[in-house]
Structure formats: structure tokens, C-alpha cells
Amino acid sequence: MRQSYPHRNQIKIVPNCVDLTEYENFHTTPIPQRMIFTGSFRYEPNYQAMRWFVDQVFPAVLSNFPDVQLIITGDPAGKDFSMFPNVTQTGMVDDIRPWVAQSWISLSPIHLGGGTRLKILEAMGLKSAVVSTSKGAEGLDLQAGEHYLVGDSPQKFADAVCRLLGEPDLREQLVAKAYQRVAEKYDWTQQAPSILNILDQITTN
């Protein structure tokens, strides 16, 4: 006898989220002209992203904002960026949250790999403005120009960074809308009831 499973073909998707309560004590006034990239270089897409940025994007940014500083955190995996001007490579840090919260811009110049970029949600939760490639923001229900700025070519990425460095009001608008978006859709406290409801359906059918 063929048995019917009413929920068999139903697919429920729960997005990756962050816990905004973990960021509340780290909101601060960001340091103008400080940018950050977070991620281990043991993950090749992270290393490729930074090589692309410092080689093809950063020179154009420096030509317009010569005092801008780039902070790179995470396991360097033997890959040294200290020879590049205005770049500081911290290695592993005890807590990434204050570093991100103090940064005017968080970078996600990713071109390879897959999965949700939690670093973008984390940056938005810490109220750091985000510049990303389309690939970097892939899988996130965010709108370019409303929640972050996007650039897929070196020139467009540099232009987006320069806009945020030169237009504080634009940055504040993006930060506010991005934080609200994360609070509504990507905060675990908002998603918990949905998860519990799914589990309840599974266990009762």
C-alpha cells in the first residue's frame, strides 16, 4: 500500500542568521577612511578577493583618498600583504566585532566560492557600510544601492568605495537600512519561531 506523506514535498528554507544582541555593546563611531576585510587566507576565495582588491582596486581609491587605511584580519596562511601601501595585516584577533564596528567600510570583493557571506550580515549588524561584488552578496535578500553598494569591475568597485568615503550621508543611509534589513530577516530572534514551527510540523506528522 502506498502511503501518503503530506509534507514530503514541502521545502522550508531558513536563512543563515546572526544574533544582533551580540553586537549591541560594540556599536561605536567608525573611524573615517578605515576599511576592513575579514577572512582567513586558508580559504582561497578570500585570498583571491584581496589580491584582486589591492592589485586592481586599491590604487584607484588611494589616488582619491591617500590617507585611507585597509585592515586585513584573519589567518594570513603565510600570505603577506604588508608590502602594499596603507595596508595593515593583523592576523588572528581575539574578537572581530570591535574591528568591524570601527571601520567606515567593510569589503567583500569575492569572485569565487559559494554559500552565504556571513561577514556581510555581521558587518551590517555592526553598522559598517558594505561594498561587495555581486558574487559576494549572492544568496542574500539585499538590494544593491539600498543596503550596500556593488561593484563587479575594478573601476566600479573603486567608485563605490570612493562614494562611501566621500559621502557620509549616503553611508549613514545605507547603514541604517542594512541594519533594519538584518533585524527583520537575518536575526536569529526573528527566525526562531519559524524554525520551531518547522520542527513541530516534522515531529507531529
N, C-alpha and C. Protein backbone atom coordinates (compact mmCIF):
# COMPACT_ATOMS: atom_id res chain seq x y z
N MET A 1 0.86 -1.19 0.00
CA MET A 1 0.00 0.00 0.00
C MET A 1 0.89 1.24 0.00
N ARG A 2 0.57 2.13 -0.84
CA ARG A 2 1.33 3.36 -0.95
C ARG A 2 0.86 4.34 0.11
N GLN A 3 1.82 4.82 0.88
CA GLN A 3 1.46 5.73 1.97
C GLN A 3 1.70 7.17 1.53
N SER A 4 0.80 8.02 1.93
CA SER A 4 0.89 9.43 1.56
C SER A 4 1.58 10.20 2.68
N TYR A 5 2.54 11.04 2.29
CA TYR A 5 3.23 11.91 3.24
C TYR A 5 2.92 13.36 2.84
N PRO A 6 1.99 13.99 3.52
CA PRO A 6 1.52 15.31 3.10
C PRO A 6 2.59 16.39 3.06
N HIS A 7 3.65 16.26 3.88
CA HIS A 7 4.67 17.32 3.91
C HIS A 7 5.96 16.90 3.19
N ARG A 8 5.88 15.78 2.51
CA ARG A 8 7.07 15.22 1.91
C ARG A 8 7.73 16.15 0.89
N ASN A 9 6.93 16.81 0.09
CA ASN A 9 7.48 17.64 -0.98
C ASN A 9 7.55 19.12 -0.62
N GLN A 10 7.31 19.43 0.62
CA GLN A 10 7.40 20.82 1.05
C GLN A 10 8.83 21.13 1.48
N ILE A 11 9.37 22.20 0.97
CA ILE A 11 10.72 22.61 1.31
C ILE A 11 10.65 23.93 2.05
N LYS A 12 11.23 23.95 3.22
CA LYS A 12 11.28 25.17 4.01
C LYS A 12 12.73 25.65 4.04
N ILE A 13 12.94 26.90 3.77
CA ILE A 13 14.29 27.46 3.76
C ILE A 13 14.42 28.45 4.91
N VAL A 14 15.40 28.19 5.75
CA VAL A 14 15.71 29.10 6.85
C VAL A 14 17.07 29.72 6.55
N PRO A 15 17.15 31.02 6.42
CA PRO A 15 18.43 31.64 6.05
C PRO A 15 19.44 31.58 7.19
N ASN A 16 20.72 31.63 6.84
CA ASN A 16 21.74 31.84 7.85
C ASN A 16 21.52 33.20 8.49
N CYS A 17 21.75 33.27 9.77
CA CYS A 17 21.44 34.49 10.51
C CYS A 17 22.57 34.87 11.45
N VAL A 18 22.42 36.01 12.07
CA VAL A 18 23.32 36.46 13.13
C VAL A 18 22.48 36.81 14.34
N ASP A 19 23.13 36.91 15.47
CA ASP A 19 22.45 37.30 16.71
C ASP A 19 22.79 38.75 17.01
N LEU A 20 21.87 39.65 16.73
CA LEU A 20 22.14 41.09 16.89
C LEU A 20 22.41 41.48 18.33
N THR A 21 21.93 40.68 19.28
CA THR A 21 22.19 41.03 20.68
C THR A 21 23.69 40.93 21.00
N GLU A 22 24.42 40.15 20.22
CA GLU A 22 25.86 40.02 20.44
C GLU A 22 26.65 41.23 19.94
N TYR A 23 25.97 42.12 19.21
CA TYR A 23 26.66 43.28 18.63
C TYR A 23 26.33 44.59 19.35
N GLU A 24 25.34 44.56 20.23
CA GLU A 24 24.82 45.80 20.80
C GLU A 24 25.88 46.61 21.53
N ASN A 25 26.80 45.96 22.22
CA ASN A 25 27.81 46.68 23.00
C ASN A 25 28.99 47.15 22.17
N PHE A 26 28.94 46.89 20.86
CA PHE A 26 30.08 47.24 20.01
C PHE A 26 29.77 48.37 19.03
N HIS A 27 28.54 48.86 19.05
CA HIS A 27 28.21 49.98 18.18
C HIS A 27 28.98 51.21 18.62
N THR A 28 29.65 51.85 17.69
CA THR A 28 30.53 52.97 18.01
C THR A 28 30.62 53.90 16.82
N THR A 29 31.27 55.02 17.00
CA THR A 29 31.52 55.93 15.89
C THR A 29 32.66 55.37 15.06
N PRO A 30 32.43 55.06 13.80
CA PRO A 30 33.50 54.47 12.97
C PRO A 30 34.59 55.48 12.66
N ILE A 31 35.75 54.96 12.36
CA ILE A 31 36.90 55.80 12.02
C ILE A 31 36.85 56.11 10.53
N PRO A 32 36.73 57.38 10.15
CA PRO A 32 36.70 57.72 8.72
C PRO A 32 37.96 57.22 8.00
N GLN A 33 37.77 56.80 6.77
CA GLN A 33 38.84 56.32 5.91
C GLN A 33 39.51 55.06 6.45
N ARG A 34 38.77 54.28 7.23
CA ARG A 34 39.25 52.94 7.60
C ARG A 34 38.35 51.90 6.95
N MET A 35 38.97 50.96 6.23
CA MET A 35 38.24 49.85 5.61
C MET A 35 38.75 48.54 6.20
N ILE A 36 37.92 47.52 6.14
CA ILE A 36 38.32 46.24 6.69
C ILE A 36 37.88 45.10 5.79
N PHE A 37 38.73 44.07 5.76
CA PHE A 37 38.37 42.80 5.15
C PHE A 37 38.63 41.73 6.19
N THR A 38 37.65 40.87 6.44
CA THR A 38 37.79 39.80 7.43
C THR A 38 37.71 38.46 6.73
N GLY A 39 38.63 37.56 7.09
CA GLY A 39 38.58 36.23 6.49
C GLY A 39 39.94 35.58 6.42
N SER A 40 39.97 34.28 6.66
CA SER A 40 41.21 33.52 6.61
C SER A 40 41.67 33.33 5.17
N PHE A 41 42.97 33.47 4.95
CA PHE A 41 43.53 33.22 3.62
C PHE A 41 43.77 31.73 3.38
N ARG A 42 43.43 30.90 4.36
CA ARG A 42 43.43 29.46 4.10
C ARG A 42 42.25 29.08 3.20
N TYR A 43 41.30 29.99 3.10
CA TYR A 43 40.18 29.83 2.17
C TYR A 43 40.52 30.62 0.92
N GLU A 44 40.79 29.93 -0.16
CA GLU A 44 41.34 30.55 -1.37
C GLU A 44 40.51 31.72 -1.89
N PRO A 45 39.16 31.65 -1.92
CA PRO A 45 38.40 32.81 -2.40
C PRO A 45 38.68 34.10 -1.62
N ASN A 46 38.99 33.98 -0.33
CA ASN A 46 39.34 35.18 0.44
C ASN A 46 40.65 35.77 -0.04
N TYR A 47 41.63 34.92 -0.25
CA TYR A 47 42.93 35.40 -0.73
C TYR A 47 42.81 36.01 -2.13
N GLN A 48 42.09 35.33 -3.01
CA GLN A 48 41.90 35.85 -4.35
C GLN A 48 41.19 37.20 -4.32
N ALA A 49 40.23 37.34 -3.41
CA ALA A 49 39.50 38.61 -3.29
C ALA A 49 40.42 39.75 -2.94
N MET A 50 41.32 39.52 -1.98
CA MET A 50 42.22 40.60 -1.55
C MET A 50 43.30 40.88 -2.57
N ARG A 51 43.78 39.85 -3.27
CA ARG A 51 44.75 40.11 -4.33
C ARG A 51 44.13 40.99 -5.41
N TRP A 52 42.90 40.67 -5.78
CA TRP A 52 42.19 41.48 -6.78
C TRP A 52 42.01 42.91 -6.28
N PHE A 53 41.63 43.05 -5.02
CA PHE A 53 41.37 44.39 -4.49
C PHE A 53 42.64 45.22 -4.41
N VAL A 54 43.70 44.69 -3.81
CA VAL A 54 44.90 45.51 -3.63
C VAL A 54 45.62 45.76 -4.95
N ASP A 55 45.52 44.82 -5.88
CA ASP A 55 46.20 44.99 -7.16
C ASP A 55 45.44 45.90 -8.12
N GLN A 56 44.11 45.75 -8.17
CA GLN A 56 43.35 46.40 -9.22
C GLN A 56 42.39 47.49 -8.75
N VAL A 57 42.05 47.51 -7.47
CA VAL A 57 41.07 48.46 -6.97
C VAL A 57 41.71 49.51 -6.07
N PHE A 58 42.50 49.07 -5.12
CA PHE A 58 43.03 49.97 -4.10
C PHE A 58 43.83 51.14 -4.65
N PRO A 59 44.65 50.96 -5.69
CA PRO A 59 45.38 52.11 -6.23
C PRO A 59 44.47 53.26 -6.65
N ALA A 60 43.32 52.94 -7.26
CA ALA A 60 42.39 53.99 -7.68
C ALA A 60 41.77 54.68 -6.47
N VAL A 61 41.52 53.92 -5.40
CA VAL A 61 40.98 54.52 -4.19
C VAL A 61 42.02 55.45 -3.56
N LEU A 62 43.26 54.99 -3.48
CA LEU A 62 44.33 55.80 -2.88
C LEU A 62 44.60 57.08 -3.66
N SER A 63 44.40 57.05 -4.95
CA SER A 63 44.63 58.26 -5.75
C SER A 63 43.65 59.36 -5.39
N ASN A 64 42.47 58.97 -4.89
CA ASN A 64 41.47 59.96 -4.47
C ASN A 64 41.48 60.21 -2.96
N PHE A 65 41.84 59.19 -2.20
CA PHE A 65 41.86 59.31 -0.74
C PHE A 65 43.18 58.72 -0.24
N PRO A 66 44.26 59.50 -0.31
CA PRO A 66 45.60 58.96 0.01
C PRO A 66 45.78 58.54 1.46
N ASP A 67 44.88 58.97 2.36
CA ASP A 67 45.02 58.60 3.77
C ASP A 67 44.19 57.38 4.16
N VAL A 68 43.48 56.79 3.22
CA VAL A 68 42.64 55.66 3.54
C VAL A 68 43.49 54.48 3.99
N GLN A 69 42.99 53.74 4.98
CA GLN A 69 43.71 52.60 5.53
C GLN A 69 42.89 51.33 5.34
N LEU A 70 43.57 50.26 4.97
CA LEU A 70 42.94 48.95 4.82
C LEU A 70 43.45 48.01 5.90
N ILE A 71 42.52 47.46 6.67
CA ILE A 71 42.84 46.47 7.70
C ILE A 71 42.42 45.10 7.18
N ILE A 72 43.31 44.13 7.26
CA ILE A 72 43.00 42.75 6.88
C ILE A 72 43.18 41.88 8.12
N THR A 73 42.10 41.20 8.53
CA THR A 73 42.18 40.32 9.68
C THR A 73 42.01 38.86 9.24
N GLY A 74 42.40 37.96 10.12
CA GLY A 74 42.26 36.54 9.82
C GLY A 74 43.60 35.87 9.60
N ASP A 75 43.59 34.57 9.57
CA ASP A 75 44.80 33.78 9.38
C ASP A 75 45.45 34.12 8.04
N PRO A 76 46.69 34.66 8.04
CA PRO A 76 47.32 35.05 6.78
C PRO A 76 47.79 33.86 5.95
N ALA A 77 47.92 32.70 6.58
CA ALA A 77 48.34 31.48 5.87
C ALA A 77 49.64 31.70 5.09
N GLY A 78 50.52 32.51 5.65
CA GLY A 78 51.81 32.76 5.00
C GLY A 78 51.76 33.74 3.85
N LYS A 79 50.63 34.37 3.64
CA LYS A 79 50.49 35.31 2.52
C LYS A 79 50.57 36.73 3.07
N ASP A 80 51.62 37.43 2.68
CA ASP A 80 51.97 38.73 3.26
C ASP A 80 51.52 39.88 2.36
N PHE A 81 50.75 40.80 2.94
CA PHE A 81 50.29 41.99 2.22
C PHE A 81 50.94 43.27 2.76
N SER A 82 51.91 43.12 3.66
CA SER A 82 52.47 44.29 4.32
C SER A 82 53.27 45.19 3.37
N MET A 83 53.63 44.67 2.20
CA MET A 83 54.39 45.49 1.26
C MET A 83 53.52 46.51 0.52
N PHE A 84 52.20 46.34 0.62
CA PHE A 84 51.31 47.27 -0.05
C PHE A 84 51.11 48.52 0.81
N PRO A 85 51.05 49.69 0.20
CA PRO A 85 50.88 50.93 0.98
C PRO A 85 49.53 50.99 1.67
N ASN A 86 49.55 51.51 2.90
CA ASN A 86 48.32 51.75 3.68
C ASN A 86 47.56 50.47 4.02
N VAL A 87 48.26 49.36 4.08
CA VAL A 87 47.64 48.09 4.43
C VAL A 87 48.23 47.57 5.74
N THR A 88 47.36 47.18 6.66
CA THR A 88 47.77 46.56 7.92
C THR A 88 47.16 45.18 7.99
N GLN A 89 47.99 44.17 8.18
CA GLN A 89 47.54 42.79 8.28
C GLN A 89 47.69 42.35 9.74
N THR A 90 46.57 42.14 10.42
CA THR A 90 46.61 41.89 11.86
C THR A 90 46.83 40.43 12.21
N GLY A 91 46.55 39.52 11.29
CA GLY A 91 46.49 38.12 11.66
C GLY A 91 45.21 37.86 12.45
N MET A 92 45.20 36.78 13.22
CA MET A 92 44.03 36.45 14.02
C MET A 92 43.85 37.47 15.14
N VAL A 93 42.59 37.82 15.43
CA VAL A 93 42.29 38.73 16.53
C VAL A 93 41.35 38.02 17.50
N ASP A 94 41.38 38.46 18.75
CA ASP A 94 40.56 37.81 19.77
C ASP A 94 39.07 37.99 19.52
N ASP A 95 38.69 39.16 19.03
CA ASP A 95 37.28 39.47 18.80
C ASP A 95 37.19 40.39 17.60
N ILE A 96 36.53 39.94 16.56
CA ILE A 96 36.45 40.72 15.31
C ILE A 96 35.48 41.87 15.42
N ARG A 97 34.54 41.81 16.35
CA ARG A 97 33.45 42.79 16.41
C ARG A 97 33.93 44.24 16.54
N PRO A 98 34.83 44.57 17.47
CA PRO A 98 35.25 45.97 17.54
C PRO A 98 35.98 46.45 16.30
N TRP A 99 36.71 45.56 15.65
CA TRP A 99 37.42 45.94 14.43
C TRP A 99 36.45 46.33 13.33
N VAL A 100 35.40 45.53 13.17
CA VAL A 100 34.41 45.83 12.14
C VAL A 100 33.61 47.08 12.48
N ALA A 101 33.18 47.19 13.74
CA ALA A 101 32.36 48.33 14.14
C ALA A 101 33.11 49.65 13.98
N GLN A 102 34.43 49.64 14.12
CA GLN A 102 35.22 50.85 13.99
C GLN A 102 35.57 51.20 12.55
N SER A 103 35.16 50.36 11.62
CA SER A 103 35.53 50.57 10.22
C SER A 103 34.42 51.25 9.44
N TRP A 104 34.79 52.23 8.67
CA TRP A 104 33.86 53.01 7.85
C TRP A 104 33.22 52.12 6.79
N ILE A 105 34.03 51.21 6.23
CA ILE A 105 33.57 50.33 5.15
C ILE A 105 34.06 48.91 5.42
N SER A 106 33.18 47.94 5.19
CA SER A 106 33.56 46.53 5.17
C SER A 106 33.53 46.03 3.73
N LEU A 107 34.57 45.34 3.33
CA LEU A 107 34.74 44.91 1.95
C LEU A 107 34.41 43.44 1.77
N SER A 108 33.75 43.12 0.65
CA SER A 108 33.50 41.73 0.28
C SER A 108 33.71 41.59 -1.23
N PRO A 109 34.97 41.70 -1.68
CA PRO A 109 35.24 41.63 -3.12
C PRO A 109 35.42 40.20 -3.61
N ILE A 110 34.45 39.36 -3.27
CA ILE A 110 34.53 37.92 -3.55
C ILE A 110 34.13 37.63 -5.00
N HIS A 111 34.90 36.75 -5.65
CA HIS A 111 34.58 36.32 -7.02
C HIS A 111 34.43 34.82 -7.14
N LEU A 112 34.82 34.07 -6.11
CA LEU A 112 34.80 32.61 -6.16
C LEU A 112 34.06 32.06 -4.95
N GLY A 113 33.71 30.77 -5.03
CA GLY A 113 33.13 30.10 -3.87
C GLY A 113 31.62 30.21 -3.84
N GLY A 114 31.04 29.69 -2.77
CA GLY A 114 29.59 29.70 -2.63
C GLY A 114 29.20 29.85 -1.18
N GLY A 115 27.90 29.82 -0.94
CA GLY A 115 27.41 29.96 0.43
C GLY A 115 27.11 31.40 0.79
N THR A 116 26.40 31.56 1.88
CA THR A 116 26.04 32.89 2.35
C THR A 116 27.24 33.57 2.99
N ARG A 117 27.49 34.82 2.66
CA ARG A 117 28.60 35.57 3.24
C ARG A 117 28.17 36.14 4.58
N LEU A 118 28.42 35.38 5.63
CA LEU A 118 28.04 35.87 6.96
C LEU A 118 28.80 37.13 7.33
N LYS A 119 29.98 37.35 6.71
CA LYS A 119 30.73 38.56 7.00
C LYS A 119 29.93 39.81 6.61
N ILE A 120 29.07 39.70 5.59
CA ILE A 120 28.25 40.85 5.20
C ILE A 120 27.18 41.11 6.25
N LEU A 121 26.50 40.05 6.69
CA LEU A 121 25.47 40.22 7.73
C LEU A 121 26.10 40.74 9.02
N GLU A 122 27.27 40.23 9.34
CA GLU A 122 27.97 40.68 10.54
C GLU A 122 28.31 42.16 10.44
N ALA A 123 28.83 42.58 9.29
CA ALA A 123 29.17 43.99 9.10
C ALA A 123 27.94 44.87 9.22
N MET A 124 26.85 44.45 8.61
CA MET A 124 25.62 45.24 8.70
C MET A 124 25.08 45.28 10.12
N GLY A 125 25.21 44.17 10.85
CA GLY A 125 24.78 44.15 12.24
C GLY A 125 25.62 45.03 13.12
N LEU A 126 26.88 45.28 12.72
CA LEU A 126 27.78 46.15 13.47
C LEU A 126 27.80 47.57 12.91
N LYS A 127 26.92 47.83 11.95
CA LYS A 127 26.72 49.16 11.36
C LYS A 127 27.97 49.68 10.64
N SER A 128 28.58 48.77 9.90
CA SER A 128 29.66 49.14 8.99
C SER A 128 29.12 49.04 7.58
N ALA A 129 29.37 50.05 6.75
CA ALA A 129 28.84 50.05 5.39
C ALA A 129 29.56 49.00 4.55
N VAL A 130 28.83 48.37 3.65
CA VAL A 130 29.36 47.26 2.87
C VAL A 130 29.49 47.62 1.40
N VAL A 131 30.66 47.27 0.85
CA VAL A 131 30.84 47.28 -0.61
C VAL A 131 31.18 45.85 -1.01
N SER A 132 30.45 45.32 -1.97
CA SER A 132 30.60 43.92 -2.35
C SER A 132 30.51 43.76 -3.86
N THR A 133 31.04 42.65 -4.32
CA THR A 133 30.72 42.21 -5.68
C THR A 133 29.34 41.55 -5.65
N SER A 134 28.78 41.30 -6.82
CA SER A 134 27.51 40.57 -6.89
C SER A 134 27.68 39.16 -6.32
N LYS A 135 28.81 38.54 -6.61
CA LYS A 135 29.09 37.20 -6.09
C LYS A 135 29.19 37.22 -4.57
N GLY A 136 29.80 38.25 -4.04
CA GLY A 136 29.97 38.34 -2.59
C GLY A 136 28.66 38.41 -1.85
N ALA A 137 27.66 39.05 -2.45
CA ALA A 137 26.34 39.20 -1.81
C ALA A 137 25.34 38.16 -2.28
N GLU A 138 25.82 37.19 -3.03
CA GLU A 138 24.96 36.15 -3.58
C GLU A 138 24.23 35.39 -2.47
N GLY A 139 22.94 35.16 -2.69
CA GLY A 139 22.16 34.39 -1.73
C GLY A 139 21.54 35.20 -0.62
N LEU A 140 21.85 36.47 -0.55
CA LEU A 140 21.28 37.34 0.48
C LEU A 140 20.17 38.20 -0.14
N ASP A 141 19.08 38.32 0.58
CA ASP A 141 17.94 39.11 0.11
C ASP A 141 18.19 40.58 0.45
N LEU A 142 19.13 41.16 -0.30
CA LEU A 142 19.53 42.54 -0.11
C LEU A 142 19.49 43.26 -1.45
N GLN A 143 19.28 44.56 -1.40
CA GLN A 143 19.21 45.35 -2.62
C GLN A 143 20.44 46.25 -2.74
N ALA A 144 21.16 46.08 -3.86
CA ALA A 144 22.29 46.96 -4.12
C ALA A 144 21.79 48.38 -4.28
N GLY A 145 22.48 49.32 -3.67
CA GLY A 145 22.08 50.71 -3.71
C GLY A 145 21.18 51.11 -2.57
N GLU A 146 20.60 50.12 -1.90
CA GLU A 146 19.74 50.39 -0.75
C GLU A 146 20.37 49.88 0.54
N HIS A 147 20.93 48.68 0.49
CA HIS A 147 21.54 48.09 1.69
C HIS A 147 23.06 48.05 1.60
N TYR A 148 23.60 48.10 0.42
CA TYR A 148 25.05 48.06 0.21
C TYR A 148 25.33 48.60 -1.19
N LEU A 149 26.60 48.83 -1.49
CA LEU A 149 26.99 49.23 -2.83
C LEU A 149 27.71 48.06 -3.50
N VAL A 150 27.53 47.95 -4.80
CA VAL A 150 28.09 46.82 -5.53
C VAL A 150 29.02 47.31 -6.62
N GLY A 151 30.06 46.51 -6.88
CA GLY A 151 30.96 46.79 -7.98
C GLY A 151 31.61 45.50 -8.44
N ASP A 152 31.44 45.15 -9.71
CA ASP A 152 31.98 43.90 -10.21
C ASP A 152 33.25 44.07 -11.04
N SER A 153 33.50 45.27 -11.49
CA SER A 153 34.76 45.56 -12.17
C SER A 153 35.63 46.37 -11.21
N PRO A 154 36.95 46.38 -11.43
CA PRO A 154 37.82 47.18 -10.55
C PRO A 154 37.38 48.64 -10.46
N GLN A 155 37.03 49.24 -11.59
CA GLN A 155 36.65 50.65 -11.57
C GLN A 155 35.35 50.88 -10.81
N LYS A 156 34.37 50.02 -11.02
CA LYS A 156 33.08 50.20 -10.34
C LYS A 156 33.20 49.93 -8.85
N PHE A 157 34.04 48.97 -8.48
CA PHE A 157 34.25 48.72 -7.06
C PHE A 157 34.95 49.92 -6.42
N ALA A 158 35.96 50.45 -7.09
CA ALA A 158 36.67 51.63 -6.58
C ALA A 158 35.72 52.82 -6.48
N ASP A 159 34.87 53.00 -7.47
CA ASP A 159 33.91 54.11 -7.44
C ASP A 159 32.97 53.99 -6.24
N ALA A 160 32.53 52.76 -5.96
CA ALA A 160 31.62 52.55 -4.83
C ALA A 160 32.32 52.88 -3.51
N VAL A 161 33.55 52.43 -3.37
CA VAL A 161 34.32 52.73 -2.15
C VAL A 161 34.51 54.24 -2.00
N CYS A 162 34.87 54.89 -3.08
CA CYS A 162 35.10 56.34 -3.03
C CYS A 162 33.82 57.10 -2.69
N ARG A 163 32.70 56.63 -3.19
CA ARG A 163 31.43 57.28 -2.85
C ARG A 163 31.19 57.25 -1.35
N LEU A 164 31.41 56.11 -0.74
CA LEU A 164 31.17 55.99 0.69
C LEU A 164 32.19 56.79 1.50
N LEU A 165 33.41 56.85 1.02
CA LEU A 165 34.43 57.65 1.71
C LEU A 165 34.12 59.14 1.62
N GLY A 166 33.53 59.55 0.52
CA GLY A 166 33.30 60.98 0.30
C GLY A 166 31.90 61.47 0.61
N GLU A 167 30.96 60.54 0.87
CA GLU A 167 29.58 60.94 1.12
C GLU A 167 29.07 60.32 2.43
N PRO A 168 29.36 60.96 3.56
CA PRO A 168 28.94 60.41 4.86
C PRO A 168 27.43 60.22 4.96
N ASP A 169 26.65 61.10 4.35
CA ASP A 169 25.19 60.96 4.43
C ASP A 169 24.73 59.69 3.72
N LEU A 170 25.31 59.40 2.57
CA LEU A 170 24.98 58.18 1.86
C LEU A 170 25.33 56.96 2.71
N ARG A 171 26.49 57.01 3.32
CA ARG A 171 26.90 55.90 4.18
C ARG A 171 25.89 55.67 5.30
N GLU A 172 25.47 56.75 5.95
CA GLU A 172 24.52 56.61 7.06
C GLU A 172 23.19 56.02 6.60
N GLN A 173 22.76 56.41 5.41
CA GLN A 173 21.51 55.86 4.88
C GLN A 173 21.62 54.37 4.63
N LEU A 174 22.72 53.95 4.01
CA LEU A 174 22.93 52.54 3.73
C LEU A 174 23.01 51.73 5.03
N VAL A 175 23.77 52.26 5.99
CA VAL A 175 23.95 51.56 7.26
C VAL A 175 22.61 51.36 7.97
N ALA A 176 21.80 52.41 8.00
CA ALA A 176 20.51 52.32 8.70
C ALA A 176 19.59 51.31 8.03
N LYS A 177 19.51 51.35 6.71
CA LYS A 177 18.62 50.43 6.00
C LYS A 177 19.13 48.99 6.07
N ALA A 178 20.44 48.83 6.02
CA ALA A 178 21.02 47.49 6.10
C ALA A 178 20.78 46.88 7.47
N TYR A 179 20.97 47.66 8.51
CA TYR A 179 20.74 47.15 9.87
C TYR A 179 19.28 46.74 10.05
N GLN A 180 18.37 47.56 9.53
CA GLN A 180 16.96 47.23 9.63
C GLN A 180 16.63 45.95 8.88
N ARG A 181 17.25 45.77 7.73
CA ARG A 181 17.01 44.56 6.94
C ARG A 181 17.49 43.31 7.69
N VAL A 182 18.66 43.41 8.29
CA VAL A 182 19.18 42.28 9.06
C VAL A 182 18.28 42.00 10.25
N ALA A 183 17.82 43.06 10.92
CA ALA A 183 16.94 42.89 12.08
C ALA A 183 15.64 42.19 11.70
N GLU A 184 15.14 42.49 10.52
CA GLU A 184 13.85 41.92 10.09
C GLU A 184 13.97 40.50 9.55
N LYS A 185 15.07 40.20 8.86
CA LYS A 185 15.14 38.93 8.12
C LYS A 185 16.26 38.01 8.55
N TYR A 186 17.34 38.55 9.10
CA TYR A 186 18.53 37.74 9.36
C TYR A 186 18.96 37.73 10.82
N ASP A 187 18.05 38.03 11.71
CA ASP A 187 18.34 37.95 13.14
C ASP A 187 17.73 36.66 13.69
N TRP A 188 18.50 35.87 14.42
CA TRP A 188 18.01 34.59 14.92
C TRP A 188 16.76 34.75 15.76
N THR A 189 16.63 35.85 16.48
CA THR A 189 15.44 36.03 17.32
C THR A 189 14.18 36.15 16.48
N GLN A 190 14.33 36.63 15.24
CA GLN A 190 13.18 36.72 14.34
C GLN A 190 12.89 35.38 13.67
N GLN A 191 13.93 34.59 13.44
CA GLN A 191 13.76 33.32 12.73
C GLN A 191 13.41 32.15 13.65
N ALA A 192 13.69 32.31 14.94
CA ALA A 192 13.46 31.19 15.88
C ALA A 192 12.03 30.65 15.84
N PRO A 193 10.98 31.50 15.85
CA PRO A 193 9.62 30.94 15.79
C PRO A 193 9.37 30.11 14.54
N SER A 194 9.93 30.54 13.40
CA SER A 194 9.75 29.79 12.16
C SER A 194 10.43 28.43 12.26
N ILE A 195 11.62 28.40 12.84
CA ILE A 195 12.34 27.13 12.98
C ILE A 195 11.58 26.19 13.90
N LEU A 196 11.09 26.71 15.02
CA LEU A 196 10.34 25.88 15.96
C LEU A 196 9.06 25.34 15.33
N ASN A 197 8.43 26.16 14.48
CA ASN A 197 7.22 25.72 13.80
C ASN A 197 7.52 24.57 12.82
N ILE A 198 8.64 24.68 12.10
CA ILE A 198 9.03 23.62 11.17
C ILE A 198 9.30 22.33 11.93
N LEU A 199 10.04 22.44 13.03
CA LEU A 199 10.34 21.24 13.82
C LEU A 199 9.08 20.62 14.38
N ASP A 200 8.14 21.46 14.76
CA ASP A 200 6.89 20.95 15.29
C ASP A 200 6.11 20.18 14.22
N GLN A 201 6.12 20.69 12.97
CA GLN A 201 5.45 20.01 11.88
C GLN A 201 6.09 18.67 11.57
N ILE A 202 7.42 18.63 11.66
CA ILE A 202 8.13 17.37 11.37
C ILE A 202 7.80 16.31 12.41
N THR A 203 7.79 16.71 13.66
CA THR A 203 7.63 15.73 14.73
C THR A 203 6.18 15.28 14.91
N THR A 204 5.23 16.04 14.36
CA THR A 204 3.82 15.69 14.55
C THR A 204 3.21 15.05 13.31
N ASN A 205 4.01 14.85 12.25
CA ASN A 205 3.48 14.24 11.03
C ASN A 205 4.32 13.03 10.64
